[in-house]
């Protein structure tokens, strides 16, 4: 949006500038042609400054001397240099005083004399009238300039002359306007197309997979270049993440293959033993072997189930079976189930809640699986003396906290803790998983409209915060 208004603004400014320039040049052309055709035949002599300017500036040399109009020395010198003279009259047209006025100048003027002397040039002087207010009253001043330096011109024209001049003006104006339009059109189009060409080149570079691109952010398309640089940076990061994820996926596949091969080898070995017709097994031996086969096959089934669930969650192909549930009771039961496991019955897990009932519509099976996995990780990835605190409370939202004082997680593992296929460095042989547990838990929470975050420091424990 910003770029759009910037381009529009530049376009409008250019158009306004062109229009103003064209108008000014047209006006100058009209006056130039008109004056050339009307007064070029006259041999006019002018002063360095125009008479009006001379007269207006001359007023500053006049001053009130106790009710009498006086003239400064500079004013006297200016009158002498220009060959001008001055006459001061009262309201009745009678002379009060004069400076350098010729002897044949009247001492009294009627209104008709004033107009006649101003309009016509029979006399060797051209008169200009001034008014001056003094402390003694109002006076009129005649400032006469030599006629040989000044000429009043009366312009007369005919309709034919106007038509002829108009044709000339129109032709010249159109030619000048066309030249201006071509020049500004070229400059403006170049200003627009050059960065667009650069943008197209940059996009082509990105389309070929070259994400190490940086272009200078400048001009009216500065915001576009900024976005291209941001896009290049984002694509570069995504490519690096894709390569890292691909590497993790390959490592995960190798681990999963190993995890499946190991129980399969056990199943195959015990199956071969049982199928040996030359050996008679006792009932206890058969029980032991079948339990091992069942345990290993169950482990493989759980791996396959996790793969299936992870894929469905990733592709949003899993519909949630939501029902109104007391989350306090649900979380308490998760803690009880873990403590009822003979392997973890001596672990220290503390459960707290500020109220007894917090109801929300959730998929009980999925949410229970996510919470079980998160608490289970806090138990199995630390030593037996670890203290785990599980808390649920509701203020504005539902907040669930799972906190332990165990080993903590290093920065590298923490960065990938919710990534698919990732196995942390604390994963031992006794509790090796598929590498999907944390990712599945996060996706379950997200599918319930919640958020999950983890804070941890090596040697200081870990805290998982869930907001619903």
Protein backbone atom coordinates (compact mmCIF):
# COMPACT_ATOMS: atom_id res chain seq x y z
CA UNK A 1 0.00 0.00 0.00
CA UNK A 2 2.84 2.36 0.89
CA UNK A 3 4.54 1.71 -2.46
CA UNK A 4 1.26 2.24 -4.29
CA UNK A 5 0.77 5.69 -2.77
CA UNK A 6 4.42 6.56 -3.33
CA UNK A 7 4.23 5.69 -7.03
CA UNK A 8 0.90 7.50 -7.33
CA UNK A 9 2.34 10.53 -5.52
CA UNK A 10 5.37 10.66 -7.82
CA UNK A 11 3.10 10.36 -10.83
CA UNK A 12 0.80 13.14 -9.61
CA UNK A 13 3.75 15.41 -8.75
CA UNK A 14 5.24 14.82 -12.20
CA UNK A 15 1.93 15.56 -13.92
CA UNK A 16 1.43 18.73 -11.85
CA UNK A 17 4.99 19.86 -12.58
CA UNK A 18 4.53 19.25 -16.31
CA UNK A 19 1.19 21.07 -16.35
CA UNK A 20 2.61 24.05 -14.44
CA UNK A 21 5.66 24.19 -16.71
CA UNK A 22 3.48 23.98 -19.82
CA UNK A 23 1.15 26.70 -18.52
CA UNK A 24 4.06 29.01 -17.69
CA UNK A 25 5.75 28.43 -21.05
CA UNK A 26 2.42 28.89 -22.86
CA UNK A 27 1.80 32.19 -21.08
CA UNK A 28 5.33 33.38 -21.85
CA UNK A 29 4.91 32.28 -25.47
CA UNK A 30 1.59 34.12 -25.81
CA UNK A 31 2.95 37.34 -24.35
CA UNK A 32 6.20 37.04 -26.28
CA UNK A 33 4.53 36.53 -29.65
CA UNK A 34 1.91 39.19 -28.97
CA UNK A 35 4.38 41.84 -27.85
CA UNK A 36 6.75 40.98 -30.70
CA UNK A 37 3.98 41.47 -33.27
CA UNK A 38 2.58 44.64 -31.73
CA UNK A 39 5.54 46.69 -30.57
CA UNK A 40 8.57 45.29 -32.41
CA UNK A 41 8.25 48.01 -35.07
CA UNK A 42 8.59 50.79 -32.50
CA UNK A 43 11.97 52.25 -31.57
CA UNK A 44 11.37 52.52 -27.84
CA UNK A 45 13.98 53.88 -25.46
CA UNK A 46 13.55 52.99 -21.79
CA UNK A 47 15.32 53.79 -18.54
CA UNK A 48 17.38 51.13 -16.77
CA UNK A 49 14.49 50.89 -14.31
CA UNK A 50 10.84 51.29 -15.28
CA UNK A 51 9.31 54.77 -14.65
CA UNK A 52 6.82 53.35 -12.17
CA UNK A 53 9.65 51.77 -10.15
CA UNK A 54 11.59 55.02 -10.30
CA UNK A 55 8.63 57.03 -9.03
CA UNK A 56 7.75 54.55 -6.25
CA UNK A 57 11.34 54.39 -5.05
CA UNK A 58 11.65 58.17 -5.19
CA UNK A 59 9.09 58.56 -2.41
CA UNK A 60 11.61 57.41 0.16
CA UNK A 61 13.67 60.56 -0.42
CA UNK A 62 10.72 62.80 0.57
CA UNK A 63 10.08 63.67 4.19
CA UNK A 64 7.95 65.98 6.34
CA UNK A 65 9.90 69.02 7.58
CA UNK A 66 7.52 70.75 10.04
CA UNK A 67 4.58 70.52 7.64
CA UNK A 68 6.65 71.27 4.54
CA UNK A 69 7.57 68.59 1.96
CA UNK A 70 11.36 68.38 1.82
CA UNK A 71 13.77 66.33 -0.28
CA UNK A 72 16.97 64.64 0.87
CA UNK A 73 20.35 65.28 -0.78
CA UNK A 74 20.19 61.87 -2.47
CA UNK A 75 16.82 62.87 -3.92
CA UNK A 76 18.28 66.14 -5.28
CA UNK A 77 21.16 64.25 -6.89
CA UNK A 78 18.78 61.69 -8.42
CA UNK A 79 16.66 64.49 -9.94
CA UNK A 80 19.80 66.09 -11.38
CA UNK A 81 21.13 62.82 -12.84
CA UNK A 82 17.82 61.86 -14.44
CA UNK A 83 17.00 65.37 -15.70
CA UNK A 84 13.70 65.27 -13.82
CA UNK A 85 11.92 67.93 -11.82
CA UNK A 86 9.33 68.05 -9.05
CA UNK A 87 6.41 70.34 -8.24
CA UNK A 88 4.37 70.35 -5.00
CA UNK A 89 0.68 71.41 -5.25
CA UNK A 90 -2.05 71.97 -2.73
CA UNK A 91 -5.59 70.56 -3.02
CA UNK A 92 -6.52 73.45 -5.33
CA UNK A 93 -3.79 72.67 -7.83
CA UNK A 94 -1.70 75.68 -6.81
CA UNK A 95 2.07 75.39 -6.58
CA UNK A 96 3.52 75.37 -3.07
CA UNK A 97 7.12 74.68 -4.05
CA UNK A 98 9.21 73.16 -6.83
CA UNK A 99 12.62 71.73 -7.53
CA UNK A 100 14.26 72.21 -10.93
CA UNK A 101 10.91 72.94 -12.62
CA UNK A 102 11.21 74.80 -15.99
CA UNK A 103 10.02 78.41 -16.18
CA UNK A 104 7.21 77.58 -18.61
CA UNK A 105 5.59 75.12 -16.21
CA UNK A 106 2.18 76.37 -14.97
CA UNK A 107 1.91 77.48 -11.35
CA UNK A 108 -1.68 76.27 -11.13
CA UNK A 109 -3.45 73.23 -12.64
CA UNK A 110 -7.05 72.37 -13.24
CA UNK A 111 -8.17 68.71 -13.10
CA UNK A 112 -8.31 68.74 -16.92
CA UNK A 113 -4.71 69.95 -17.08
CA UNK A 114 -3.64 67.12 -14.82
CA UNK A 115 -5.29 64.46 -17.00
CA UNK A 116 -4.04 66.03 -20.22
CA UNK A 117 -0.44 66.27 -19.02
CA UNK A 118 -0.50 62.63 -17.84
CA UNK A 119 -2.07 61.13 -20.95
CA UNK A 120 -0.43 62.94 -23.86
CA UNK A 121 3.15 63.57 -24.89
CA UNK A 122 3.16 67.03 -26.50
CA UNK A 123 5.44 68.28 -23.76
CA UNK A 124 9.09 67.22 -23.34
CA UNK A 125 8.23 65.61 -19.99
CA UNK A 126 6.00 62.77 -18.85
CA UNK A 127 4.24 63.51 -15.58
CA UNK A 128 3.61 61.09 -12.73
CA UNK A 129 1.34 62.00 -9.83
CA UNK A 130 2.04 61.28 -6.17
CA UNK A 131 0.13 61.96 -2.98
CA UNK A 132 1.80 62.82 0.31
CA UNK A 133 0.32 63.38 3.75
CA UNK A 134 2.14 65.95 5.87
CA UNK A 135 1.55 67.23 9.38
CA UNK A 136 0.14 70.42 7.82
CA UNK A 137 -2.19 68.57 5.47
CA UNK A 138 -2.44 66.76 2.16
CA UNK A 139 -0.30 67.72 -0.88
CA UNK A 140 0.00 66.47 -4.48
CA UNK A 141 3.36 65.96 -6.12
CA UNK A 142 4.12 66.08 -9.86
CA UNK A 143 7.27 64.14 -10.71
CA UNK A 144 8.23 64.83 -14.32
CA UNK A 145 10.68 62.61 -16.21
CA UNK A 146 12.34 63.55 -19.51
CA UNK A 147 10.31 62.46 -22.52
CA UNK A 148 13.36 61.28 -24.45
CA UNK A 149 13.91 58.35 -22.07
CA UNK A 150 10.30 57.23 -21.58
CA UNK A 151 7.48 56.35 -23.90
CA UNK A 152 3.86 55.51 -23.19
CA UNK A 153 2.63 52.98 -25.72
CA UNK A 154 -1.02 52.56 -26.70
CA UNK A 155 -1.66 49.16 -28.28
CA UNK A 156 -4.15 48.97 -31.16
CA UNK A 157 -4.99 45.76 -33.00
CA UNK A 158 -7.43 44.38 -35.55
CA UNK A 159 -9.37 41.11 -35.56
CA UNK A 160 -7.32 39.80 -38.49
CA UNK A 161 -4.15 40.55 -36.56
CA UNK A 162 -5.51 38.71 -33.52
CA UNK A 163 -6.42 35.66 -35.64
CA UNK A 164 -2.99 35.60 -37.27
CA UNK A 165 -1.21 35.97 -33.96
CA UNK A 166 -3.45 33.29 -32.42
CA UNK A 167 -2.47 30.80 -35.14
CA UNK A 168 1.20 31.51 -34.56
CA UNK A 169 0.76 31.21 -30.79
CA UNK A 170 -1.15 27.90 -31.10
CA UNK A 171 1.42 26.35 -33.45
CA UNK A 172 4.40 27.42 -31.33
CA UNK A 173 2.62 26.36 -28.13
CA UNK A 174 1.76 22.92 -29.52
CA UNK A 175 5.34 22.36 -30.67
CA UNK A 176 6.75 23.39 -27.28
CA UNK A 177 4.14 21.31 -25.40
CA UNK A 178 4.92 18.25 -27.53
CA UNK A 179 8.65 18.61 -26.84
CA UNK A 180 7.99 18.98 -23.09
CA UNK A 181 5.65 15.97 -23.09
CA UNK A 182 8.23 13.82 -24.89
CA UNK A 183 11.06 14.83 -22.56
CA UNK A 184 9.07 14.32 -19.35
CA UNK A 185 7.45 11.15 -20.69
CA UNK A 186 10.86 9.67 -21.44
CA UNK A 187 12.31 10.67 -18.06
CA UNK A 188 9.27 9.44 -16.11
CA UNK A 189 8.97 6.14 -17.99
CA UNK A 190 12.69 5.52 -17.50
CA UNK A 191 12.30 6.21 -13.78
CA UNK A 192 9.46 3.66 -13.62
CA UNK A 193 10.75 0.93 -15.94
CA UNK A 194 14.37 0.76 -14.78
CA UNK A 195 13.55 -0.43 -11.21
CA UNK A 196 10.78 -2.70 -12.57
CA UNK A 197 13.35 -4.38 -14.82
CA UNK A 198 15.61 -4.84 -11.79
CA UNK A 199 12.71 -6.29 -9.79
CA UNK A 200 11.94 -8.81 -12.57
CA UNK A 201 15.62 -9.81 -12.69
CA UNK A 202 15.68 -10.34 -8.91
CA UNK A 203 12.52 -12.45 -9.01
CA UNK A 204 14.04 -14.55 -11.80
CA UNK A 205 17.16 -15.08 -9.65
CA UNK A 206 15.00 -16.22 -6.71
CA UNK A 207 12.97 -18.53 -8.95
CA UNK A 208 16.19 -20.35 -9.86
CA UNK A 209 16.90 -21.15 -6.23
CA UNK A 210 19.59 -18.52 -5.65
CA UNK A 211 18.53 -17.10 -2.30
CA UNK A 212 21.80 -15.30 -1.48
CA UNK A 213 20.35 -12.16 -3.02
CA UNK A 214 20.56 -8.63 -1.71
CA UNK A 215 19.52 -5.59 -3.70
CA UNK A 216 19.95 -1.95 -2.77
CA UNK A 217 16.77 -0.50 -1.26
CA UNK A 218 16.24 2.76 -3.13
CA UNK A 219 13.85 4.88 -5.20
CA UNK A 220 10.07 4.87 -5.37
CA UNK A 221 10.10 1.06 -5.18
CA UNK A 222 12.17 1.02 -1.98
CA UNK A 223 9.45 -0.94 -0.15
CA UNK A 224 9.38 -3.53 -2.98
CA UNK A 225 13.15 -4.01 -2.78
CA UNK A 226 12.86 -4.33 1.01
CA UNK A 227 10.25 -7.07 0.52
CA UNK A 228 12.46 -8.84 -2.04
CA UNK A 229 15.35 -8.80 0.42
CA UNK A 230 13.04 -10.09 3.17
CA UNK A 231 11.74 -12.79 0.82
CA UNK A 232 15.29 -13.78 -0.10
CA UNK A 233 16.22 -14.00 3.57
CA UNK A 234 13.07 -16.02 4.38
CA UNK A 235 13.61 -18.42 1.48
CA UNK A 236 17.25 -18.84 2.50
CA UNK A 237 16.22 -19.66 6.07
CA UNK A 238 13.51 -22.03 4.84
CA UNK A 239 15.99 -23.77 2.57
CA UNK A 240 18.42 -24.20 5.46
CA UNK A 241 15.61 -25.50 7.67
CA UNK A 242 14.48 -27.86 4.91
CA UNK A 243 17.99 -29.27 4.58
CA UNK A 244 18.26 -29.59 8.34
CA UNK A 245 14.85 -31.27 8.52
CA UNK A 246 15.80 -33.60 5.70
CA UNK A 247 18.95 -34.56 7.55
CA UNK A 248 16.94 -35.11 10.75
CA UNK A 249 14.36 -37.17 8.83
CA UNK A 250 17.06 -39.40 7.35
CA UNK A 251 18.61 -39.87 10.78
CA UNK A 252 15.17 -40.57 12.24
CA UNK A 253 14.43 -43.15 9.55
CA UNK A 254 17.71 -44.87 10.34
CA UNK A 255 16.83 -44.88 14.06
CA UNK A 256 13.27 -46.09 13.46
CA UNK A 257 14.56 -48.80 11.15
CA UNK A 258 16.93 -49.90 13.89
CA UNK A 259 14.16 -49.69 16.52
CA UNK A 260 11.88 -51.88 14.42
CA UNK A 261 14.59 -54.32 13.34
CA UNK A 262 15.63 -55.01 16.95
CA UNK A 263 12.21 -56.22 18.21
CA UNK A 264 11.57 -57.94 14.88
CA UNK A 265 14.80 -59.88 15.30
CA UNK A 266 13.66 -60.92 18.80
CA UNK A 267 10.23 -61.93 17.52
CA UNK A 268 11.77 -63.85 14.65
CA UNK A 269 14.30 -65.57 16.94
CA UNK A 270 11.77 -66.69 19.53
CA UNK A 271 9.32 -67.73 16.82
CA UNK A 272 11.99 -69.96 15.30
CA UNK A 273 12.74 -71.46 18.71
CA UNK A 274 9.06 -72.17 19.37
CA UNK A 275 8.63 -73.69 15.91
CA UNK A 276 11.53 -76.11 16.48
CA UNK A 277 9.86 -79.53 16.58
CA UNK A 278 12.95 -81.22 18.00
CA UNK A 279 12.71 -79.32 21.25
CA UNK A 280 10.01 -79.71 23.86
CA UNK A 281 9.25 -76.51 25.79
CA UNK A 282 7.94 -76.29 29.30
CA UNK A 283 4.85 -74.23 29.99
CA UNK A 284 6.90 -71.54 31.74
CA UNK A 285 9.27 -71.27 28.77
CA UNK A 286 6.36 -70.94 26.34
CA UNK A 287 4.84 -68.26 28.58
CA UNK A 288 8.11 -66.35 28.71
CA UNK A 289 8.70 -66.49 24.95
CA UNK A 290 5.15 -65.48 24.05
CA UNK A 291 5.29 -62.55 26.48
CA UNK A 292 8.51 -61.36 24.84
CA UNK A 293 6.97 -61.70 21.38
CA UNK A 294 3.86 -59.83 22.54
CA UNK A 295 5.92 -57.07 24.15
CA UNK A 296 8.05 -56.56 21.05
CA UNK A 297 5.05 -56.62 18.71
CA UNK A 298 3.26 -54.13 20.97
CA UNK A 299 6.28 -51.83 20.77
CA UNK A 300 6.22 -52.02 16.96
CA UNK A 301 2.47 -51.34 16.93
CA UNK A 302 2.95 -48.26 19.11
CA UNK A 303 5.61 -46.96 16.72
CA UNK A 304 3.26 -47.47 13.76
CA UNK A 305 0.39 -45.81 15.66
CA UNK A 306 2.57 -42.77 16.39
CA UNK A 307 3.57 -42.54 12.74
CA UNK A 308 -0.06 -42.75 11.69
CA UNK A 309 -1.21 -40.17 14.26
CA UNK A 310 1.62 -37.80 13.40
CA UNK A 311 0.78 -37.97 9.69
CA UNK A 312 -2.92 -37.36 10.29
CA UNK A 313 -2.23 -34.42 12.59
CA UNK A 314 0.24 -32.93 10.15
CA UNK A 315 -2.25 -33.16 7.27
CA UNK A 316 -5.22 -31.98 9.38
CA UNK A 317 -6.92 -35.28 8.57
CA UNK A 318 -7.88 -36.03 12.16
CA UNK A 319 -11.28 -34.84 13.39
CA UNK A 320 -11.46 -34.15 17.12
CA UNK A 321 -14.09 -35.98 19.15
CA UNK A 322 -14.75 -33.14 21.59
CA UNK A 323 -16.83 -33.42 24.71
CA UNK A 324 -17.29 -31.27 27.78
CA UNK A 325 -14.59 -32.37 30.24
CA UNK A 326 -13.32 -31.37 33.66
CA UNK A 327 -9.66 -30.69 32.91
CA UNK A 328 -8.71 -30.75 36.60
CA UNK A 329 -9.91 -34.34 36.90
CA UNK A 330 -8.34 -35.27 33.57
CA UNK A 331 -4.91 -33.94 34.56
CA UNK A 332 -5.15 -35.51 38.03
CA UNK A 333 -5.91 -38.91 36.47
CA UNK A 334 -2.90 -38.58 34.15
CA UNK A 335 -0.64 -38.03 37.16
CA UNK A 336 -2.24 -40.98 39.01
CA UNK A 337 -1.82 -43.29 35.99
CA UNK A 338 1.90 -42.51 35.80
CA UNK A 339 2.39 -43.06 39.53
CA UNK A 340 0.48 -46.35 39.29
CA UNK A 341 3.10 -47.61 36.87
CA UNK A 342 5.37 -49.85 38.94
CA UNK A 343 8.43 -48.31 37.29
CA UNK A 344 7.57 -44.79 38.53
CA UNK A 345 5.58 -45.41 41.72
CA UNK A 346 8.32 -43.88 43.86
CA UNK A 347 8.69 -40.73 41.78
CA UNK A 348 7.83 -37.34 43.31
CA UNK A 349 5.00 -35.80 41.27
CA UNK A 350 3.01 -32.98 42.91
CA UNK A 351 -0.38 -31.90 41.57
CA UNK A 352 -2.03 -28.52 42.36
CA UNK A 353 -5.13 -26.66 41.21
CA UNK A 354 -6.71 -23.41 42.41
CA UNK A 355 -10.24 -24.77 41.73
CA UNK A 356 -11.83 -28.20 41.50
CA UNK A 357 -13.66 -27.83 38.20
CA UNK A 358 -12.40 -26.30 34.94
CA UNK A 359 -14.61 -27.38 32.09
CA UNK A 360 -13.76 -27.26 28.41
CA UNK A 361 -14.73 -29.16 25.29
CA UNK A 362 -11.75 -31.34 24.33
CA UNK A 363 -10.89 -34.65 22.72
CA UNK A 364 -10.21 -36.57 25.93
CA UNK A 365 -8.11 -39.34 24.40
CA UNK A 366 -5.84 -37.02 22.43
CA UNK A 367 -5.38 -34.41 25.16
CA UNK A 368 -4.70 -37.14 27.72
CA UNK A 369 -2.08 -38.58 25.39
CA UNK A 370 -0.38 -35.18 25.00
CA UNK A 371 -0.36 -34.46 28.76
CA UNK A 372 0.83 -38.00 29.57
CA UNK A 373 3.71 -37.66 27.13
CA UNK A 374 4.78 -34.27 28.53
CA UNK A 375 4.72 -35.42 32.18
CA UNK A 376 6.25 -38.78 31.27
CA UNK A 377 9.20 -37.00 29.62
CA UNK A 378 9.83 -35.02 32.81
CA UNK A 379 10.00 -38.32 34.72
CA UNK A 380 12.00 -40.58 32.43
CA UNK A 381 14.60 -38.08 31.23
CA UNK A 382 15.74 -37.23 34.77
CA UNK A 383 17.05 -39.22 37.72
CA UNK A 384 14.75 -40.76 40.34
CA UNK A 385 15.12 -37.83 42.77
CA UNK A 386 13.58 -35.33 40.35
CA UNK A 387 10.61 -33.31 41.62
CA UNK A 388 7.84 -32.71 39.11
CA UNK A 389 5.14 -30.11 39.80
CA UNK A 390 1.96 -30.21 37.74
CA UNK A 391 -0.43 -27.27 38.13
CA UNK A 392 -3.64 -26.15 36.45
CA UNK A 393 -5.42 -22.85 37.04
CA UNK A 394 -7.83 -20.53 35.32
CA UNK A 395 -7.70 -16.75 35.33
CA UNK A 396 -8.57 -15.36 31.91
CA UNK A 397 -7.46 -18.54 30.17
CA UNK A 398 -6.70 -22.09 31.24
CA UNK A 399 -3.02 -22.44 32.16
CA UNK A 400 -1.27 -25.78 32.69
CA UNK A 401 2.29 -25.90 34.00
CA UNK A 402 4.60 -28.95 34.10
CA UNK A 403 7.81 -28.05 35.91
CA UNK A 404 10.77 -30.13 37.07
CA UNK A 405 14.11 -29.45 38.76
CA UNK A 406 15.97 -32.00 36.70
CA UNK A 407 18.80 -31.96 34.18
CA UNK A 408 17.39 -29.30 31.89
CA UNK A 409 17.79 -29.18 28.11
CA UNK A 410 20.73 -27.73 26.21
CA UNK A 411 20.18 -24.90 23.74
CA UNK A 412 20.64 -27.07 20.66
CA UNK A 413 18.03 -29.63 21.74
CA UNK A 414 15.65 -26.93 23.01
CA UNK A 415 15.57 -25.34 19.57
CA UNK A 416 14.30 -28.57 18.00
CA UNK A 417 12.30 -29.97 20.91
CA UNK A 418 8.96 -29.82 19.03
CA UNK A 419 10.39 -30.77 15.62
CA UNK A 420 9.39 -34.04 14.00
CA UNK A 421 11.95 -36.80 13.84
CA UNK A 422 14.17 -35.15 16.48
CA UNK A 423 15.67 -37.14 19.33
CA UNK A 424 17.39 -35.25 22.10
CA UNK A 425 20.83 -36.04 23.35
CA UNK A 426 19.36 -37.09 26.74
CA UNK A 427 17.43 -39.99 25.17
CA UNK A 428 18.87 -43.20 26.56
CA UNK A 429 18.41 -46.78 25.50
CA UNK A 430 15.91 -47.45 28.28
CA UNK A 431 13.37 -44.95 26.99
CA UNK A 432 14.06 -44.54 23.32
CA UNK A 433 11.01 -43.25 21.43
CA UNK A 434 10.01 -42.52 17.89
CA UNK A 435 11.11 -38.88 18.00
CA UNK A 436 7.51 -37.82 17.36
CA UNK A 437 6.15 -37.58 20.90
CA UNK A 438 6.79 -33.89 21.56
CA UNK A 439 5.74 -32.91 18.03
CA UNK A 440 2.49 -34.88 18.43
CA UNK A 441 1.83 -33.24 21.82
CA UNK A 442 2.32 -29.78 20.35
CA UNK A 443 0.02 -30.50 17.40
CA UNK A 444 -2.70 -31.85 19.72
CA UNK A 445 -2.51 -28.69 21.84
CA UNK A 446 -2.58 -26.49 18.73
CA UNK A 447 -5.57 -28.39 17.30
CA UNK A 448 -7.42 -27.53 20.50
CA UNK A 449 -6.74 -23.84 19.87
CA UNK A 450 -4.02 -23.72 22.50
CA UNK A 451 -0.38 -22.74 22.70
CA UNK A 452 2.61 -24.52 24.20
CA UNK A 453 6.03 -23.20 25.07
CA UNK A 454 9.04 -24.57 26.90
CA UNK A 455 11.65 -22.87 29.06
CA UNK A 456 14.75 -24.72 30.16
CA UNK A 457 18.32 -24.24 31.23
CA UNK A 458 20.92 -26.95 31.46
CA UNK A 459 21.26 -28.07 35.08
CA UNK A 460 18.30 -25.95 36.26
CA UNK A 461 15.27 -27.93 35.16
CA UNK A 462 12.51 -27.44 32.61
CA UNK A 463 9.06 -25.83 32.57
CA UNK A 464 6.35 -26.46 29.98
CA UNK A 465 3.50 -23.93 29.79
CA UNK A 466 0.22 -24.76 28.06
CA UNK A 467 -2.47 -22.13 27.42
CA UNK A 468 -5.99 -23.13 26.38
